[in-house]
């Protein structure tokens, strides 16, 4: 579970930085750096399918292209 949260946090950190987009330009709430990490993680996890969630538990997690999340290798930590 710790790895899953780390992967989600990394995915969120790869989203645009504050100031590059205005709030109305975010496609998803998890992309909005103005929200708390808890809100962003809750939103992202709620959008993942069960298969996508289990894929994120692997050492080399695939991209979730439909949500704009990049693939993550375990060596990225």
N, C-alpha and C. Protein backbone atom coordinates (compact mmCIF):
# COMPACT_ATOMS: atom_id res chain seq x y z
N UNK A 1 0.82 -1.19 0.00
CA UNK A 1 0.00 0.00 0.00
C UNK A 1 0.87 1.26 0.00
N UNK A 2 2.00 1.22 0.73
CA UNK A 2 2.90 2.37 0.78
C UNK A 2 3.42 2.68 -0.62
N UNK A 3 3.75 1.62 -1.38
CA UNK A 3 4.24 1.82 -2.75
C UNK A 3 3.14 2.45 -3.60
N UNK A 4 1.91 2.01 -3.42
CA UNK A 4 0.78 2.54 -4.18
C UNK A 4 0.62 4.04 -3.93
N UNK A 5 0.69 4.45 -2.67
CA UNK A 5 0.57 5.87 -2.32
C UNK A 5 1.75 6.64 -2.90
N UNK A 6 2.94 6.05 -2.86
CA UNK A 6 4.12 6.71 -3.43
C UNK A 6 3.96 6.92 -4.93
N UNK A 7 3.41 5.92 -5.60
CA UNK A 7 3.18 6.02 -7.04
C UNK A 7 2.17 7.11 -7.33
N UNK A 8 1.10 7.16 -6.55
CA UNK A 8 0.10 8.20 -6.74
C UNK A 8 0.68 9.58 -6.49
N UNK A 9 1.48 9.70 -5.45
CA UNK A 9 2.09 11.00 -5.15
C UNK A 9 3.02 11.42 -6.28
N UNK A 10 3.77 10.47 -6.84
CA UNK A 10 4.65 10.79 -7.95
C UNK A 10 3.83 11.22 -9.16
N UNK A 11 2.76 10.51 -9.43
CA UNK A 11 1.89 10.87 -10.55
C UNK A 11 1.35 12.28 -10.37
N UNK A 12 0.92 12.59 -9.17
CA UNK A 12 0.40 13.92 -8.89
C UNK A 12 1.49 14.97 -9.02
N UNK A 13 2.70 14.62 -8.64
CA UNK A 13 3.78 15.60 -8.72
C UNK A 13 4.18 15.90 -10.15
N UNK A 14 3.85 15.01 -11.06
CA UNK A 14 4.16 15.22 -12.47
C UNK A 14 3.13 16.11 -13.17
N UNK A 15 2.07 16.44 -12.45
CA UNK A 15 1.04 17.31 -13.01
C UNK A 15 1.57 18.74 -13.08
N UNK A 16 0.94 19.58 -13.88
CA UNK A 16 1.41 20.97 -14.02
C UNK A 16 1.55 21.67 -12.68
N UNK A 17 2.58 22.50 -12.58
CA UNK A 17 2.82 23.25 -11.35
C UNK A 17 1.81 24.38 -11.20
N UNK A 18 1.65 24.85 -9.98
CA UNK A 18 0.72 25.96 -9.70
C UNK A 18 1.10 27.17 -10.53
N UNK A 19 0.10 27.82 -11.08
CA UNK A 19 0.34 29.02 -11.85
C UNK A 19 0.43 28.79 -13.34
N UNK A 20 0.67 27.55 -13.78
CA UNK A 20 0.77 27.32 -15.22
C UNK A 20 -0.61 27.17 -15.85
N UNK A 21 -1.57 26.77 -15.08
CA UNK A 21 -2.94 26.65 -15.56
C UNK A 21 -3.87 27.30 -14.54
N UNK A 22 -4.95 27.84 -15.00
CA UNK A 22 -5.93 28.37 -14.07
C UNK A 22 -6.88 27.25 -13.68
N UNK A 23 -7.55 27.39 -12.54
CA UNK A 23 -8.40 26.33 -11.99
C UNK A 23 -9.38 25.79 -13.02
N UNK A 24 -9.98 26.63 -13.82
CA UNK A 24 -10.97 26.16 -14.77
C UNK A 24 -10.34 25.36 -15.92
N UNK A 25 -9.02 25.38 -16.04
CA UNK A 25 -8.34 24.65 -17.10
C UNK A 25 -7.99 23.21 -16.72
N UNK A 26 -8.18 22.83 -15.46
CA UNK A 26 -7.86 21.47 -15.04
C UNK A 26 -8.94 20.52 -15.51
N UNK A 27 -8.49 19.45 -16.15
CA UNK A 27 -9.46 18.45 -16.62
C UNK A 27 -10.00 17.65 -15.43
N UNK A 28 -9.14 17.39 -14.46
CA UNK A 28 -9.51 16.60 -13.29
C UNK A 28 -9.08 17.35 -12.03
N UNK A 29 -9.82 17.19 -10.94
CA UNK A 29 -9.42 17.83 -9.68
C UNK A 29 -8.04 17.40 -9.19
N UNK A 30 -7.62 16.15 -9.45
CA UNK A 30 -6.32 15.71 -8.95
C UNK A 30 -5.16 16.46 -9.60
N UNK A 31 -5.42 17.17 -10.68
CA UNK A 31 -4.38 17.97 -11.32
C UNK A 31 -4.22 19.35 -10.68
N UNK A 32 -5.15 19.73 -9.84
CA UNK A 32 -5.18 21.07 -9.25
C UNK A 32 -4.28 21.14 -8.01
N UNK A 33 -3.13 21.80 -8.11
CA UNK A 33 -2.23 21.89 -6.95
C UNK A 33 -2.80 22.74 -5.82
N UNK A 34 -3.90 23.43 -6.06
CA UNK A 34 -4.54 24.22 -5.01
C UNK A 34 -5.32 23.37 -4.03
N UNK A 35 -5.58 22.11 -4.38
CA UNK A 35 -6.27 21.19 -3.47
C UNK A 35 -5.24 20.48 -2.59
N UNK A 36 -5.70 19.97 -1.47
CA UNK A 36 -4.79 19.22 -0.58
C UNK A 36 -4.40 17.90 -1.25
N UNK A 37 -3.28 17.34 -0.81
CA UNK A 37 -2.84 16.04 -1.33
C UNK A 37 -3.92 14.99 -1.09
N UNK A 38 -4.54 15.02 0.09
CA UNK A 38 -5.60 14.04 0.39
C UNK A 38 -6.74 14.15 -0.62
N UNK A 39 -7.16 15.36 -0.94
CA UNK A 39 -8.24 15.55 -1.91
C UNK A 39 -7.83 15.06 -3.29
N UNK A 40 -6.59 15.36 -3.67
CA UNK A 40 -6.11 14.96 -4.99
C UNK A 40 -5.97 13.44 -5.10
N UNK A 41 -5.43 12.81 -4.06
CA UNK A 41 -5.29 11.35 -4.07
C UNK A 41 -6.67 10.68 -4.10
N UNK A 42 -7.59 11.16 -3.25
CA UNK A 42 -8.94 10.60 -3.24
C UNK A 42 -9.59 10.70 -4.61
N UNK A 43 -9.43 11.84 -5.28
CA UNK A 43 -10.02 12.01 -6.59
C UNK A 43 -9.38 11.06 -7.61
N UNK A 44 -8.05 10.99 -7.61
CA UNK A 44 -7.37 10.11 -8.56
C UNK A 44 -7.74 8.65 -8.34
N UNK A 45 -7.70 8.20 -7.10
CA UNK A 45 -8.03 6.80 -6.80
C UNK A 45 -9.48 6.48 -7.20
N UNK A 46 -10.38 7.43 -7.01
CA UNK A 46 -11.78 7.18 -7.37
C UNK A 46 -11.97 7.03 -8.87
N UNK A 47 -11.05 7.57 -9.66
CA UNK A 47 -11.15 7.50 -11.11
C UNK A 47 -10.48 6.26 -11.70
N UNK A 48 -9.60 5.62 -10.94
CA UNK A 48 -8.91 4.43 -11.42
C UNK A 48 -9.84 3.22 -11.39
N UNK A 49 -9.74 2.39 -12.41
CA UNK A 49 -10.47 1.13 -12.40
C UNK A 49 -9.74 0.16 -11.47
N UNK A 50 -10.39 -0.93 -11.11
CA UNK A 50 -9.75 -1.93 -10.26
C UNK A 50 -8.47 -2.45 -10.91
N UNK A 51 -8.52 -2.70 -12.20
CA UNK A 51 -7.33 -3.18 -12.93
C UNK A 51 -6.20 -2.15 -12.87
N UNK A 52 -6.53 -0.89 -13.06
CA UNK A 52 -5.50 0.16 -13.00
C UNK A 52 -4.90 0.26 -11.59
N UNK A 53 -5.73 0.11 -10.58
CA UNK A 53 -5.23 0.14 -9.20
C UNK A 53 -4.26 -1.00 -8.95
N UNK A 54 -4.61 -2.20 -9.37
CA UNK A 54 -3.72 -3.34 -9.15
C UNK A 54 -2.45 -3.21 -9.99
N UNK A 55 -2.55 -2.65 -11.19
CA UNK A 55 -1.36 -2.43 -12.01
C UNK A 55 -0.38 -1.49 -11.31
N UNK A 56 -0.88 -0.53 -10.55
CA UNK A 56 -0.03 0.44 -9.87
C UNK A 56 0.74 -0.18 -8.71
N UNK A 57 0.38 -1.38 -8.32
CA UNK A 57 1.08 -2.06 -7.23
C UNK A 57 2.34 -2.76 -7.70
N UNK A 58 2.56 -2.87 -9.00
CA UNK A 58 3.73 -3.56 -9.52
C UNK A 58 4.96 -2.66 -9.48
N UNK A 59 6.12 -3.28 -9.58
CA UNK A 59 7.39 -2.55 -9.52
C UNK A 59 7.50 -1.54 -10.67
N UNK A 60 7.09 -1.96 -11.86
CA UNK A 60 7.07 -1.08 -13.02
C UNK A 60 5.62 -0.84 -13.40
N UNK A 61 5.07 0.24 -12.93
CA UNK A 61 3.66 0.54 -13.14
C UNK A 61 3.43 1.17 -14.51
N UNK A 62 2.45 0.66 -15.25
CA UNK A 62 2.17 1.23 -16.57
C UNK A 62 1.50 2.60 -16.47
N UNK A 63 1.53 3.31 -17.56
CA UNK A 63 0.85 4.60 -17.62
C UNK A 63 -0.66 4.40 -17.55
N UNK A 64 -1.34 5.40 -17.06
CA UNK A 64 -2.80 5.45 -17.13
C UNK A 64 -3.09 6.61 -18.07
N UNK A 65 -2.98 6.31 -19.35
CA UNK A 65 -3.04 7.34 -20.38
C UNK A 65 -4.34 8.13 -20.37
N UNK A 66 -5.44 7.47 -20.07
CA UNK A 66 -6.74 8.17 -20.12
C UNK A 66 -6.83 9.27 -19.06
N UNK A 67 -5.97 9.16 -18.01
CA UNK A 67 -5.94 10.19 -16.96
C UNK A 67 -4.68 11.04 -17.04
N UNK A 68 -3.81 10.76 -18.00
CA UNK A 68 -2.60 11.56 -18.16
C UNK A 68 -1.49 11.19 -17.20
N UNK A 69 -1.51 10.00 -16.63
CA UNK A 69 -0.47 9.57 -15.68
C UNK A 69 0.61 8.79 -16.42
N UNK A 70 1.85 9.15 -16.18
CA UNK A 70 3.00 8.52 -16.82
C UNK A 70 3.30 7.17 -16.18
N UNK A 71 4.01 6.30 -16.91
CA UNK A 71 4.46 5.05 -16.29
C UNK A 71 5.50 5.36 -15.21
N UNK A 72 5.61 4.49 -14.22
CA UNK A 72 6.55 4.69 -13.12
C UNK A 72 7.34 3.41 -12.92
N UNK A 73 8.67 3.54 -12.92
CA UNK A 73 9.54 2.39 -12.64
C UNK A 73 9.92 2.45 -11.17
N UNK A 74 10.08 1.30 -10.56
CA UNK A 74 10.46 1.24 -9.16
C UNK A 74 11.75 1.98 -8.88
N UNK A 75 12.61 2.08 -9.88
CA UNK A 75 13.88 2.78 -9.70
C UNK A 75 13.68 4.30 -9.64
N UNK A 76 12.46 4.79 -9.91
CA UNK A 76 12.18 6.21 -9.84
C UNK A 76 12.05 6.72 -8.40
N UNK A 77 12.07 5.81 -7.43
CA UNK A 77 11.89 6.20 -6.04
C UNK A 77 13.20 6.39 -5.35
